[in-house]
Protein backbone atom coordinates (compact mmCIF):
# COMPACT_ATOMS: atom_id res chain seq x y z
CA MET A 1 0.07 -0.03 -0.06
CA ASN A 2 1.00 3.73 -0.34
CA GLY A 3 3.47 4.34 1.91
CA VAL A 4 2.60 1.98 4.90
CA LYS A 5 5.24 -0.74 5.14
CA ASP A 6 3.85 -4.31 4.37
CA SER A 7 3.51 -6.38 6.75
CA GLU A 8 2.60 -10.18 7.64
CA LEU A 9 -0.96 -8.58 8.97
CA ALA A 10 -3.23 -6.08 7.34
CA PRO A 11 -6.19 -4.46 9.18
CA ARG A 12 -9.40 -6.00 8.44
CA LEU A 13 -12.07 -4.04 10.74
CA LEU A 14 -12.18 -0.91 12.65
CA ILE A 15 -14.85 -1.20 15.84
CA THR A 16 -15.82 1.27 17.86
CA THR A 17 -16.54 1.00 21.49
CA PHE A 18 -17.33 3.34 24.31
CA ILE A 19 -13.83 5.09 25.61
CA GLY A 20 -12.89 2.90 28.29
CA ARG A 21 -13.99 -0.35 27.25
CA GLU A 22 -11.42 -1.15 24.27
CA ARG A 23 -9.58 -4.02 25.65
CA ARG A 24 -12.75 -5.73 26.68
CA VAL A 25 -14.50 -5.12 23.85
CA GLY A 26 -11.14 -6.40 22.01
CA GLU A 27 -11.34 -9.62 23.88
CA ASP A 28 -14.71 -10.58 23.23
CA VAL A 29 -13.34 -10.10 19.24
CA MET A 30 -10.46 -12.03 19.81
CA ASN A 31 -12.75 -14.78 21.33
CA ALA A 32 -15.25 -14.19 18.79
CA LEU A 33 -12.88 -14.63 15.86
CA PHE A 34 -10.18 -16.66 17.25
CA PHE A 35 -11.43 -19.91 15.77
CA LYS A 36 -12.86 -18.56 12.42
CA LEU A 37 -9.13 -17.14 10.97
CA LYS A 38 -5.61 -18.53 11.00
CA ARG A 39 -3.62 -15.65 12.05
CA ILE A 40 -5.76 -12.71 13.95
CA GLU A 41 -4.18 -9.62 16.06
CA VAL A 42 -6.28 -7.39 17.92
CA VAL A 43 -5.33 -3.81 18.95
CA PRO A 44 -7.45 -1.79 21.43
CA LEU A 45 -6.57 1.73 21.13
CA VAL A 46 -6.92 2.57 24.93
CA ARG A 47 -8.90 5.60 25.45
CA ARG A 48 -9.69 6.35 22.10
CA GLY A 49 -12.89 4.30 21.83
CA ILE A 50 -11.33 2.31 18.98
CA VAL A 51 -10.55 -1.73 18.35
CA ILE A 52 -8.54 -2.69 14.97
CA VAL A 53 -8.68 -5.91 14.21
CA PHE A 54 -5.66 -7.11 11.93
CA SER A 55 -5.40 -10.34 10.43
CA GLU A 56 -4.37 -11.86 6.67
CA PRO A 57 -3.97 -9.83 3.65
CA ASP A 58 -6.08 -12.15 2.02
CA CYS A 59 -9.06 -12.13 4.53
CA ASP A 60 -12.20 -10.80 3.41
CA PRO A 61 -13.51 -8.09 6.08
CA TRP A 62 -17.15 -8.71 5.25
CA HIS A 63 -17.03 -12.37 6.71
CA MET A 64 -15.42 -11.41 9.41
CA LEU A 65 -18.12 -8.57 9.66
CA ASN A 66 -20.68 -11.28 9.76
CA ALA A 67 -18.86 -13.38 12.25
CA LEU A 68 -19.15 -10.78 14.54
CA ARG A 69 -22.74 -9.79 14.08
CA SER A 70 -23.83 -13.36 14.62
CA LEU A 71 -22.46 -13.10 18.34
CA HIS A 72 -23.00 -10.38 20.73
CA ILE A 73 -20.51 -7.92 21.55
CA ALA A 74 -21.33 -5.77 24.10
CA GLY A 75 -19.97 -2.54 23.91
CA ALA A 76 -19.51 -2.15 20.48
CA PHE A 77 -21.12 0.15 17.90
CA TRP A 78 -20.08 -0.51 14.49
CA ALA A 79 -17.20 -2.43 13.20
CA ILE A 80 -16.25 -1.00 9.76
CA PRO A 81 -14.67 -3.27 7.13
CA VAL A 82 -11.47 -2.23 5.71
CA GLU A 83 -10.47 -3.11 2.23
CA ARG A 84 -7.88 -0.39 1.64
CA TYR A 85 -5.35 1.41 4.00
CA ALA A 86 -2.46 4.57 3.54
CA VAL A 87 -0.89 6.85 5.43
CA ALA A 88 -2.90 9.76 6.13
CA ARG A 89 -2.05 12.37 3.71
CA TYR A 90 -4.25 13.44 0.72
CA GLU A 91 -1.93 12.00 -2.33
CA TYR A 92 -1.99 8.34 -0.87
CA ILE A 93 -5.59 8.53 0.33
CA ALA A 94 -6.93 9.37 -3.09
CA ARG A 95 -4.54 6.80 -4.84
CA GLU A 96 -6.34 4.13 -2.41
CA CYS A 97 -9.64 5.42 -3.26
CA MET A 98 -9.19 5.61 -6.72
CA GLU A 99 -7.71 1.99 -6.69
CA LEU A 100 -10.88 0.78 -4.71
CA VAL A 101 -12.97 2.12 -7.10
CA LEU A 102 -11.57 0.72 -9.90
CA THR A 103 -10.94 -2.84 -8.63
CA LYS A 104 -14.27 -3.45 -6.58
CA PRO A 105 -16.54 -5.48 -9.07
CA GLN A 106 -19.31 -3.49 -9.62
CA HIS A 107 -20.74 -1.60 -13.08
CA LEU A 108 -19.28 1.36 -13.91
CA PRO A 109 -19.91 4.60 -13.45
CA VAL A 110 -21.25 4.53 -9.67
CA THR A 111 -22.65 7.54 -7.85
CA PHE A 112 -21.22 7.74 -4.64
CA ILE A 113 -20.74 9.55 -1.43
CA ALA A 114 -17.44 9.99 0.30
CA LEU A 115 -17.72 10.07 4.22
CA CYS A 116 -14.86 10.64 6.66
CA ARG A 117 -13.89 10.76 10.27
CA LYS A 118 -10.98 11.97 11.60
CA ARG A 119 -9.33 10.72 14.92
CA GLY A 120 -6.04 13.08 15.17
CA ASN A 121 -4.47 15.75 13.64
CA TYR A 122 -2.63 14.25 10.58
CA ILE A 123 -5.43 15.29 8.11
CA ASP A 124 -6.27 18.96 8.34
CA SER A 125 -10.42 18.70 7.22
CA CYS A 126 -12.57 15.86 6.78
CA SER A 127 -14.86 17.93 3.88
CA ARG A 128 -11.51 19.47 2.24
CA LEU A 129 -10.20 15.53 2.00
CA CYS A 130 -13.58 14.62 0.60
CA ARG A 131 -13.67 17.10 -2.18
CA PHE A 132 -9.97 16.23 -3.06
CA VAL A 133 -10.71 12.39 -3.49
CA GLY A 134 -14.20 12.84 -4.96
CA GLN A 135 -12.18 15.43 -7.43
CA ARG A 136 -9.70 12.62 -8.19
CA ILE A 137 -12.35 9.97 -8.88
CA GLU A 138 -14.49 11.69 -11.03
CA SER A 139 -11.79 12.61 -13.09
CA LEU A 140 -11.57 9.32 -14.21
CA GLY A 141 -14.75 9.27 -15.53
CA VAL A 142 -15.67 6.22 -13.95
CA ALA A 143 -17.84 7.39 -10.91
CA GLU A 144 -19.69 10.60 -9.75
CA VAL A 145 -20.32 11.98 -6.39
CA ASP A 146 -23.84 12.58 -5.23
CA PHE A 147 -25.04 14.07 -2.35
CA ARG A 148 -28.55 12.98 -2.61
CA SER A 149 -29.18 9.52 -4.77
CA TYR A 150 -25.92 8.11 -4.36
CA GLU A 151 -25.21 3.96 -4.80
CA TYR A 152 -22.32 3.78 -2.84
CA VAL A 153 -20.39 5.07 0.32
CA LEU A 154 -16.79 5.61 0.12
CA ARG A 155 -15.72 5.34 3.96
CA ILE A 156 -12.10 6.99 5.03
CA GLU A 157 -11.28 6.85 8.93
CA ILE A 158 -8.43 8.80 9.77
CA VAL A 159 -6.76 7.04 12.87
CA ASP A 160 -3.29 9.27 13.78
CA ASP A 161 -1.43 8.99 10.93
CA ARG A 162 -3.28 5.98 9.14
CA ALA A 163 -6.07 6.18 6.97
CA TYR A 164 -8.71 3.15 6.70
CA ILE A 165 -10.79 2.68 4.03
CA SER A 166 -13.71 0.84 2.74
CA MET A 167 -16.58 1.11 -0.06
CA TYR A 168 -20.37 -0.58 0.55
CA ARG A 169 -23.76 -0.21 -0.84
CA ARG A 170 -25.88 2.42 0.51
CA SER A 171 -28.13 -0.04 1.54
CA ASP A 172 -25.46 -2.30 3.54
CA GLU A 173 -24.64 0.41 5.75
CA PRO A 174 -27.25 -1.07 8.73
CA MET A 175 -24.99 -4.10 8.58
CA LEU A 176 -22.05 -2.02 10.18
CA ARG A 177 -24.04 -1.45 13.28
CA ILE A 178 -23.58 -4.21 15.63
CA SER A 179 -25.43 -3.07 18.94
């Protein structure tokens, strides 16, 4: 990935929770996924309300999400699949978003909306980032930003110096809510 060192495990899920319950949610997630995956690492970001789940790079984050939805993870709110990740810089994020739009199996052109959540000071403005990414993707001629009747959501989660990116159908958004 752009600007991110290749490692054995890749981020696959970003889970939000109450601040102070990250370790407990991390343990529950580890127990829920331990027998379903070959290798897994759960990293609770203490006092941040976030748990990041790492697994094999070829592991499908949507299957992991479905496994978590079938179990009750007390205190977890959202589980966001991570399909791409990059260093939190405009250029790297835009490049990963463009690759995701081009490689995700769907009919082209697509209408989408970019949503961003920033947890840290590495990106100055989510709205500026979304405009930058939207313009870059529209310049390819394969997608169009539409704020009212969009079909897909391009979600960018900034946590410290990393950007976690996913793209899903608008109708799939309720699946991300796990409690």
